[in-house]
Amino acid sequence: ILDALPDNVCGIQDRNVVKALLTAKPASIDTDNLS
């Protein structure tokens, strides 16, 4: 969905910020840390 956005839409300058969140390698979830 992100890659299909046209280059002229609102907020497109933040595409790389969003992509970095989606492509970051997840770690094992520490449930004791959630709170």
PDB file of all heavy atoms in Angstrom:
ATOM      1  N   ILE A   1       0.834  -1.204   0.000  1.00  0.00           N
ATOM      2  CA  ILE A   1       0.000   0.000   0.000  1.00  0.00           C
ATOM      3  C   ILE A   1       0.869   1.254   0.000  1.00  0.00           C
ATOM      4  O   ILE A   1       0.632   2.217  -0.750  1.00  0.00           O
ATOM      5  CB  ILE A   1      -0.942  -0.007   1.221  1.00  0.00           C
ATOM      6  CG1 ILE A   1      -1.942  -1.163   1.127  1.00  0.00           C
ATOM      7  CG2 ILE A   1      -1.672   1.332   1.362  1.00  0.00           C
ATOM      8  CD1 ILE A   1      -2.730  -1.414   2.401  1.00  0.00           C
ATOM      9  N   LEU A   2       1.899   1.247   0.835  1.00  0.00           N
ATOM     10  CA  LEU A   2       2.786   2.409   0.957  1.00  0.00           C
ATOM     11  C   LEU A   2       3.501   2.693  -0.363  1.00  0.00           C
ATOM     12  O   LEU A   2       3.588   3.848  -0.805  1.00  0.00           O
ATOM     13  CB  LEU A   2       3.805   2.157   2.073  1.00  0.00           C
ATOM     14  CG  LEU A   2       4.743   3.318   2.412  1.00  0.00           C
ATOM     15  CD1 LEU A   2       3.961   4.469   3.038  1.00  0.00           C
ATOM     16  CD2 LEU A   2       5.839   2.838   3.370  1.00  0.00           C
ATOM     17  N   ASP A   3       4.023   1.661  -1.003  1.00  0.00           N
ATOM     18  CA  ASP A   3       4.762   1.846  -2.251  1.00  0.00           C
ATOM     19  C   ASP A   3       3.870   2.327  -3.391  1.00  0.00           C
ATOM     20  O   ASP A   3       4.356   2.927  -4.358  1.00  0.00           O
ATOM     21  CB  ASP A   3       5.451   0.540  -2.655  1.00  0.00           C
ATOM     22  CG  ASP A   3       6.611   0.177  -1.734  1.00  0.00           C
ATOM     23  OD1 ASP A   3       7.093   1.090  -1.027  1.00  0.00           O
ATOM     24  OD2 ASP A   3       7.018  -0.999  -1.704  1.00  0.00           O
ATOM     25  N   ALA A   4       2.559   2.051  -3.291  1.00  0.00           N
ATOM     26  CA  ALA A   4       1.629   2.435  -4.360  1.00  0.00           C
ATOM     27  C   ALA A   4       1.163   3.882  -4.247  1.00  0.00           C
ATOM     28  O   ALA A   4       0.477   4.383  -5.153  1.00  0.00           O
ATOM     29  CB  ALA A   4       0.424   1.500  -4.362  1.00  0.00           C
ATOM     30  N   LEU A   5       1.514   4.571  -3.162  1.00  0.00           N
ATOM     31  CA  LEU A   5       1.078   5.963  -3.006  1.00  0.00           C
ATOM     32  C   LEU A   5       1.691   6.851  -4.089  1.00  0.00           C
ATOM     33  O   LEU A   5       2.896   6.773  -4.353  1.00  0.00           O
ATOM     34  CB  LEU A   5       1.489   6.492  -1.633  1.00  0.00           C
ATOM     35  CG  LEU A   5       0.675   6.060  -0.415  1.00  0.00           C
ATOM     36  CD1 LEU A   5       1.297   6.650   0.850  1.00  0.00           C
ATOM     37  CD2 LEU A   5      -0.783   6.490  -0.527  1.00  0.00           C
ATOM     38  N   PRO A   6       0.903   7.708  -4.707  1.00  0.00           N
ATOM     39  CA  PRO A   6       1.469   8.681  -5.657  1.00  0.00           C
ATOM     40  C   PRO A   6       2.434   9.635  -4.943  1.00  0.00           C
ATOM     41  O   PRO A   6       2.339   9.856  -3.736  1.00  0.00           O
ATOM     42  CB  PRO A   6       0.232   9.433  -6.180  1.00  0.00           C
ATOM     43  CG  PRO A   6      -0.920   8.530  -5.885  1.00  0.00           C
ATOM     44  CD  PRO A   6      -0.565   7.790  -4.634  1.00  0.00           C
ATOM     45  N   ASP A   7       3.354  10.196  -5.697  1.00  0.00           N
ATOM     46  CA  ASP A   7       4.380  11.055  -5.104  1.00  0.00           C
ATOM     47  C   ASP A   7       3.871  12.441  -4.717  1.00  0.00           C
ATOM     48  O   ASP A   7       4.616  13.224  -4.125  1.00  0.00           O
ATOM     49  CB  ASP A   7       5.557  11.211  -6.085  1.00  0.00           C
ATOM     50  CG  ASP A   7       6.325   9.909  -6.253  1.00  0.00           C
ATOM     51  OD1 ASP A   7       6.276   9.078  -5.321  1.00  0.00           O
ATOM     52  OD2 ASP A   7       6.959   9.728  -7.314  1.00  0.00           O
ATOM     53  N   ASN A   8       2.615  12.753  -5.055  1.00  0.00           N
ATOM     54  CA  ASN A   8       2.114  14.098  -4.793  1.00  0.00           C
ATOM     55  C   ASN A   8       1.050  14.154  -3.698  1.00  0.00           C
ATOM     56  O   ASN A   8       0.387  15.175  -3.522  1.00  0.00           O
ATOM     57  CB  ASN A   8       1.545  14.707  -6.080  1.00  0.00           C
ATOM     58  CG  ASN A   8       0.391  13.883  -6.656  1.00  0.00           C
ATOM     59  OD1 ASN A   8       0.147  12.769  -6.228  1.00  0.00           O
ATOM     60  ND2 ASN A   8      -0.309  14.465  -7.626  1.00  0.00           N
ATOM     61  N   VAL A   9       0.863  13.046  -2.947  1.00  0.00           N
ATOM     62  CA  VAL A   9      -0.178  13.052  -1.918  1.00  0.00           C
ATOM     63  C   VAL A   9       0.325  13.722  -0.648  1.00  0.00           C
ATOM     64  O   VAL A   9       1.536  13.869  -0.428  1.00  0.00           O
ATOM     65  CB  VAL A   9      -0.677  11.621  -1.595  1.00  0.00           C
ATOM     66  CG1 VAL A   9      -1.295  10.991  -2.822  1.00  0.00           C
ATOM     67  CG2 VAL A   9       0.456  10.769  -1.050  1.00  0.00           C
ATOM     68  N   CYS A  10      -0.610  14.075   0.196  1.00  0.00           N
ATOM     69  CA  CYS A  10      -0.282  14.719   1.476  1.00  0.00           C
ATOM     70  C   CYS A  10       0.597  13.805   2.326  1.00  0.00           C
ATOM     71  O   CYS A  10       0.326  12.612   2.466  1.00  0.00           O
ATOM     72  CB  CYS A  10      -1.576  15.054   2.208  1.00  0.00           C
ATOM     73  SG  CYS A  10      -1.340  15.833   3.814  1.00  0.00           S
ATOM     74  N   GLY A  11       1.650  14.365   2.908  1.00  0.00           N
ATOM     75  CA  GLY A  11       2.504  13.627   3.832  1.00  0.00           C
ATOM     76  C   GLY A  11       3.477  12.675   3.176  1.00  0.00           C
ATOM     77  O   GLY A  11       4.138  11.898   3.883  1.00  0.00           O
ATOM     78  N   ILE A  12       3.632  12.721   1.854  1.00  0.00           N
ATOM     79  CA  ILE A  12       4.489  11.751   1.172  1.00  0.00           C
ATOM     80  C   ILE A  12       5.947  11.874   1.626  1.00  0.00           C
ATOM     81  O   ILE A  12       6.718  10.918   1.522  1.00  0.00           O
ATOM     82  CB  ILE A  12       4.376  11.915  -0.367  1.00  0.00           C
ATOM     83  CG1 ILE A  12       4.938  10.685  -1.084  1.00  0.00           C
ATOM     84  CG2 ILE A  12       5.047  13.208  -0.809  1.00  0.00           C
ATOM     85  CD1 ILE A  12       4.209   9.402  -0.793  1.00  0.00           C
ATOM     86  N   GLN A  13       6.312  13.037   2.168  1.00  0.00           N
ATOM     87  CA  GLN A  13       7.687  13.224   2.659  1.00  0.00           C
ATOM     88  C   GLN A  13       7.997  12.286   3.835  1.00  0.00           C
ATOM     89  O   GLN A  13       9.169  12.074   4.163  1.00  0.00           O
ATOM     90  CB  GLN A  13       7.932  14.681   3.069  1.00  0.00           C
ATOM     91  CG  GLN A  13       7.195  15.126   4.322  1.00  0.00           C
ATOM     92  CD  GLN A  13       5.775  15.589   4.039  1.00  0.00           C
ATOM     93  OE1 GLN A  13       5.284  15.474   2.912  1.00  0.00           O
ATOM     94  NE2 GLN A  13       5.100  16.115   5.060  1.00  0.00           N
ATOM     95  N   ASP A  14       6.955  11.709   4.438  1.00  0.00           N
ATOM     96  CA  ASP A  14       7.160  10.799   5.568  1.00  0.00           C
ATOM     97  C   ASP A  14       7.166   9.326   5.143  1.00  0.00           C
ATOM     98  O   ASP A  14       7.185   8.444   5.994  1.00  0.00           O
ATOM     99  CB  ASP A  14       6.060  11.002   6.620  1.00  0.00           C
ATOM    100  CG  ASP A  14       6.165  12.366   7.299  1.00  0.00           C
ATOM    101  OD1 ASP A  14       7.299  12.757   7.628  1.00  0.00           O
ATOM    102  OD2 ASP A  14       5.121  13.020   7.478  1.00  0.00           O
ATOM    103  N   ARG A  15       7.140   9.062   3.840  1.00  0.00           N
ATOM    104  CA  ARG A  15       7.086   7.672   3.396  1.00  0.00           C
ATOM    105  C   ARG A  15       8.273   6.867   3.928  1.00  0.00           C
ATOM    106  O   ARG A  15       8.103   5.727   4.372  1.00  0.00           O
ATOM    107  CB  ARG A  15       7.051   7.589   1.873  1.00  0.00           C
ATOM    108  CG  ARG A  15       7.150   6.153   1.389  1.00  0.00           C
ATOM    109  CD  ARG A  15       6.538   5.862   0.049  1.00  0.00           C
ATOM    110  NE  ARG A  15       6.794   6.819  -0.985  1.00  0.00           N
ATOM    111  CZ  ARG A  15       6.127   6.829  -2.147  1.00  0.00           C
ATOM    112  NH1 ARG A  15       5.182   5.942  -2.386  1.00  0.00           N
ATOM    113  NH2 ARG A  15       6.391   7.731  -3.068  1.00  0.00           N
ATOM    114  N   ASN A  16       9.465   7.428   3.901  1.00  0.00           N
ATOM    115  CA  ASN A  16      10.640   6.681   4.376  1.00  0.00           C
ATOM    116  C   ASN A  16      10.583   6.409   5.875  1.00  0.00           C
ATOM    117  O   ASN A  16      11.090   5.379   6.346  1.00  0.00           O
ATOM    118  CB  ASN A  16      11.920   7.426   4.015  1.00  0.00           C
ATOM    119  CG  ASN A  16      12.224   7.364   2.536  1.00  0.00           C
ATOM    120  OD1 ASN A  16      11.733   6.467   1.834  1.00  0.00           O
ATOM    121  ND2 ASN A  16      13.022   8.297   2.040  1.00  0.00           N
ATOM    122  N   VAL A  17       9.965   7.320   6.613  1.00  0.00           N
ATOM    123  CA  VAL A  17       9.801   7.100   8.061  1.00  0.00           C
ATOM    124  C   VAL A  17       8.907   5.886   8.300  1.00  0.00           C
ATOM    125  O   VAL A  17       9.210   5.022   9.133  1.00  0.00           O
ATOM    126  CB  VAL A  17       9.184   8.356   8.723  1.00  0.00           C
ATOM    127  CG1 VAL A  17       8.845   8.079  10.190  1.00  0.00           C
ATOM    128  CG2 VAL A  17      10.138   9.533   8.609  1.00  0.00           C
ATOM    129  N   VAL A  18       7.805   5.815   7.560  1.00  0.00           N
ATOM    130  CA  VAL A  18       6.878   4.692   7.711  1.00  0.00           C
ATOM    131  C   VAL A  18       7.517   3.402   7.222  1.00  0.00           C
ATOM    132  O   VAL A  18       7.401   2.349   7.853  1.00  0.00           O
ATOM    133  CB  VAL A  18       5.572   4.980   6.942  1.00  0.00           C
ATOM    134  CG1 VAL A  18       4.614   3.799   7.061  1.00  0.00           C
ATOM    135  CG2 VAL A  18       4.918   6.249   7.465  1.00  0.00           C
ATOM    136  N   LYS A  19       8.227   3.476   6.100  1.00  0.00           N
ATOM    137  CA  LYS A  19       8.867   2.280   5.561  1.00  0.00           C
ATOM    138  C   LYS A  19       9.903   1.721   6.535  1.00  0.00           C
ATOM    139  O   LYS A  19      10.040   0.501   6.682  1.00  0.00           O
ATOM    140  CB  LYS A  19       9.532   2.588   4.221  1.00  0.00           C
ATOM    141  CG  LYS A  19      10.201   1.390   3.573  1.00  0.00           C
ATOM    142  CD  LYS A  19      10.618   1.650   2.136  1.00  0.00           C
ATOM    143  CE  LYS A  19       9.422   1.603   1.221  1.00  0.00           C
ATOM    144  NZ  LYS A  19       9.808   1.593  -0.216  1.00  0.00           N
ATOM    145  N   ALA A  20      10.613   2.600   7.225  1.00  0.00           N
ATOM    146  CA  ALA A  20      11.612   2.145   8.204  1.00  0.00           C
ATOM    147  C   ALA A  20      10.945   1.344   9.330  1.00  0.00           C
ATOM    148  O   ALA A  20      11.506   0.362   9.825  1.00  0.00           O
ATOM    149  CB  ALA A  20      12.368   3.337   8.773  1.00  0.00           C
ATOM    150  N   LEU A  21       9.749   1.754   9.743  1.00  0.00           N
ATOM    151  CA  LEU A  21       9.025   1.020  10.782  1.00  0.00           C
ATOM    152  C   LEU A  21       8.600  -0.361  10.288  1.00  0.00           C
ATOM    153  O   LEU A  21       8.646  -1.350  11.030  1.00  0.00           O
ATOM    154  CB  LEU A  21       7.785   1.807  11.225  1.00  0.00           C
ATOM    155  CG  LEU A  21       8.021   3.151  11.924  1.00  0.00           C
ATOM    156  CD1 LEU A  21       6.694   3.843  12.187  1.00  0.00           C
ATOM    157  CD2 LEU A  21       8.806   2.964  13.219  1.00  0.00           C
ATOM    158  N   LEU A  22       8.185  -0.438   9.028  1.00  0.00           N
ATOM    159  CA  LEU A  22       7.668  -1.695   8.476  1.00  0.00           C
ATOM    160  C   LEU A  22       8.768  -2.680   8.116  1.00  0.00           C
ATOM    161  O   LEU A  22       8.533  -3.886   8.087  1.00  0.00           O
ATOM    162  CB  LEU A  22       6.814  -1.409   7.233  1.00  0.00           C
ATOM    163  CG  LEU A  22       5.543  -0.587   7.457  1.00  0.00           C
ATOM    164  CD1 LEU A  22       4.894  -0.247   6.122  1.00  0.00           C
ATOM    165  CD2 LEU A  22       4.563  -1.348   8.354  1.00  0.00           C
ATOM    166  N   THR A  23       9.952  -2.178   7.827  1.00  0.00           N
ATOM    167  CA  THR A  23      11.050  -3.060   7.396  1.00  0.00           C
ATOM    168  C   THR A  23      12.053  -3.357   8.510  1.00  0.00           C
ATOM    169  O   THR A  23      12.957  -4.166   8.312  1.00  0.00           O
ATOM    170  CB  THR A  23      11.789  -2.457   6.195  1.00  0.00           C
ATOM    171  OG1 THR A  23      12.270  -1.147   6.543  1.00  0.00           O
ATOM    172  CG2 THR A  23      10.868  -2.352   4.987  1.00  0.00           C
ATOM    173  N   ALA A  24      11.899  -2.706   9.665  1.00  0.00           N
ATOM    174  CA  ALA A  24      12.801  -2.991  10.790  1.00  0.00           C
ATOM    175  C   ALA A  24      12.655  -4.448  11.217  1.00  0.00           C
ATOM    176  O   ALA A  24      11.546  -4.987  11.241  1.00  0.00           O
ATOM    177  CB  ALA A  24      12.488  -2.062  11.961  1.00  0.00           C
ATOM    178  N   LYS A  25      13.755  -5.080  11.534  1.00  0.00           N
ATOM    179  CA  LYS A  25      13.713  -6.484  11.940  1.00  0.00           C
ATOM    180  C   LYS A  25      13.138  -6.597  13.347  1.00  0.00           C
ATOM    181  O   LYS A  25      13.696  -6.062  14.303  1.00  0.00           O
ATOM    182  CB  LYS A  25      15.114  -7.092  11.901  1.00  0.00           C
ATOM    183  CG  LYS A  25      15.128  -8.588  12.230  1.00  0.00           C
ATOM    184  CD  LYS A  25      16.523  -9.154  12.134  1.00  0.00           C
ATOM    185  CE  LYS A  25      16.515 -10.652  12.461  1.00  0.00           C
ATOM    186  NZ  LYS A  25      17.879 -11.244  12.387  1.00  0.00           N
ATOM    187  N   PRO A  26      12.015  -7.289  13.517  1.00  0.00           N
ATOM    188  CA  PRO A  26      11.425  -7.406  14.854  1.00  0.00           C
ATOM    189  C   PRO A  26      12.292  -8.233  15.794  1.00  0.00           C
ATOM    190  O   PRO A  26      12.988  -9.165  15.369  1.00  0.00           O
ATOM    191  CB  PRO A  26      10.085  -8.114  14.588  1.00  0.00           C
ATOM    192  CG  PRO A  26       9.824  -7.960  13.131  1.00  0.00           C
ATOM    193  CD  PRO A  26      11.179  -7.930  12.486  1.00  0.00           C
ATOM    194  N   ALA A  27      12.237  -7.871  17.054  1.00  0.00           N
ATOM    195  CA  ALA A  27      12.902  -8.646  18.100  1.00  0.00           C
ATOM    196  C   ALA A  27      11.859  -9.514  18.801  1.00  0.00           C
ATOM    197  O   ALA A  27      10.653  -9.343  18.605  1.00  0.00           O
ATOM    198  CB  ALA A  27      13.564  -7.699  19.101  1.00  0.00           C
ATOM    199  N   SER A  28      12.333 -10.452  19.594  1.00  0.00           N
ATOM    200  CA  SER A  28      11.409 -11.242  20.407  1.00  0.00           C
ATOM    201  C   SER A  28      10.683 -10.316  21.384  1.00  0.00           C
ATOM    202  O   SER A  28      11.312  -9.461  22.017  1.00  0.00           O
ATOM    203  CB  SER A  28      12.160 -12.324  21.180  1.00  0.00           C
ATOM    204  OG  SER A  28      12.734 -13.257  20.300  1.00  0.00           O
ATOM    205  N   ILE A  29       9.382 -10.481  21.485  1.00  0.00           N
ATOM    206  CA  ILE A  29       8.600  -9.580  22.326  1.00  0.00           C
ATOM    207  C   ILE A  29       8.823  -9.902  23.801  1.00  0.00           C
ATOM    208  O   ILE A  29       8.665 -11.043  24.237  1.00  0.00           O
ATOM    209  CB  ILE A  29       7.105  -9.678  21.979  1.00  0.00           C
ATOM    210  CG1 ILE A  29       6.868  -9.124  20.565  1.00  0.00           C
ATOM    211  CG2 ILE A  29       6.263  -8.903  22.998  1.00  0.00           C
ATOM    212  CD1 ILE A  29       5.433  -9.173  20.116  1.00  0.00           C
ATOM    213  N   ASP A  30       9.206  -8.883  24.542  1.00  0.00           N
ATOM    214  CA  ASP A  30       9.390  -9.004  25.989  1.00  0.00           C
ATOM    215  C   ASP A  30       8.089  -8.564  26.655  1.00  0.00           C
ATOM    216  O   ASP A  30       7.863  -7.373  26.883  1.00  0.00           O
ATOM    217  CB  ASP A  30      10.563  -8.127  26.432  1.00  0.00           C
ATOM    218  CG  ASP A  30      10.819  -8.196  27.925  1.00  0.00           C
ATOM    219  OD1 ASP A  30      10.139  -9.002  28.607  1.00  0.00           O
ATOM    220  OD2 ASP A  30      11.681  -7.444  28.420  1.00  0.00           O
ATOM    221  N   THR A  31       7.218  -9.515  26.940  1.00  0.00           N
ATOM    222  CA  THR A  31       5.905  -9.157  27.485  1.00  0.00           C
ATOM    223  C   THR A  31       6.013  -8.493  28.858  1.00  0.00           C
ATOM    224  O   THR A  31       5.153  -7.682  29.221  1.00  0.00           O
ATOM    225  CB  THR A  31       4.999 -10.394  27.586  1.00  0.00           C
ATOM    226  OG1 THR A  31       5.676 -11.428  28.298  1.00  0.00           O
ATOM    227  CG2 THR A  31       4.646 -10.908  26.189  1.00  0.00           C
ATOM    228  N   ASP A  32       7.057  -8.815  29.613  1.00  0.00           N
ATOM    229  CA  ASP A  32       7.224  -8.191  30.923  1.00  0.00           C
ATOM    230  C   ASP A  32       7.494  -6.694  30.806  1.00  0.00           C
ATOM    231  O   ASP A  32       7.390  -5.955  31.780  1.00  0.00           O
ATOM    232  CB  ASP A  32       8.382  -8.847  31.683  1.00  0.00           C
ATOM    233  CG  ASP A  32       8.076 -10.284  32.072  1.00  0.00           C
ATOM    234  OD1 ASP A  32       6.875 -10.604  32.182  1.00  0.00           O
ATOM    235  OD2 ASP A  32       9.017 -11.076  32.239  1.00  0.00           O
ATOM    236  N   ASN A  33       7.832  -6.252  29.595  1.00  0.00           N
ATOM    237  CA  ASN A  33       8.195  -4.864  29.363  1.00  0.00           C
ATOM    238  C   ASN A  33       7.014  -4.027  28.849  1.00  0.00           C
ATOM    239  O   ASN A  33       7.110  -2.813  28.761  1.00  0.00           O
ATOM    240  CB  ASN A  33       9.340  -4.826  28.332  1.00  0.00           C
ATOM    241  CG  ASN A  33      10.141  -3.539  28.378  1.00  0.00           C
ATOM    242  OD1 ASN A  33      10.312  -2.931  29.428  1.00  0.00           O
ATOM    243  ND2 ASN A  33      10.610  -3.115  27.223  1.00  0.00           N
ATOM    244  N   LEU A  34       5.897  -4.676  28.515  1.00  0.00           N
ATOM    245  CA  LEU A  34       4.801  -3.967  27.863  1.00  0.00           C
ATOM    246  C   LEU A  34       4.223  -2.843  28.715  1.00  0.00           C
ATOM    247  O   LEU A  34       3.866  -1.779  28.192  1.00  0.00           O
ATOM    248  CB  LEU A  34       3.685  -4.963  27.499  1.00  0.00           C
ATOM    249  CG  LEU A  34       3.979  -5.945  26.371  1.00  0.00           C
ATOM    250  CD1 LEU A  34       2.790  -6.877  26.154  1.00  0.00           C
ATOM    251  CD2 LEU A  34       4.323  -5.211  25.075  1.00  0.00           C
ATOM    252  N   SER A  35       4.133  -3.051  29.997  1.00  0.00           N
ATOM    253  CA  SER A  35       3.503  -2.051  30.867  1.00  0.00           C
ATOM    254  C   SER A  35       4.321  -0.772  30.956  1.00  0.00           C
ATOM    255  O   SER A  35       3.848   0.229  31.497  1.00  0.00           O
ATOM    256  CB  SER A  35       3.289  -2.636  32.270  1.00  0.00           C
ATOM    257  OG  SER A  35       4.523  -3.018  32.835  1.00  0.00           O
TER     258      SER A  35
END
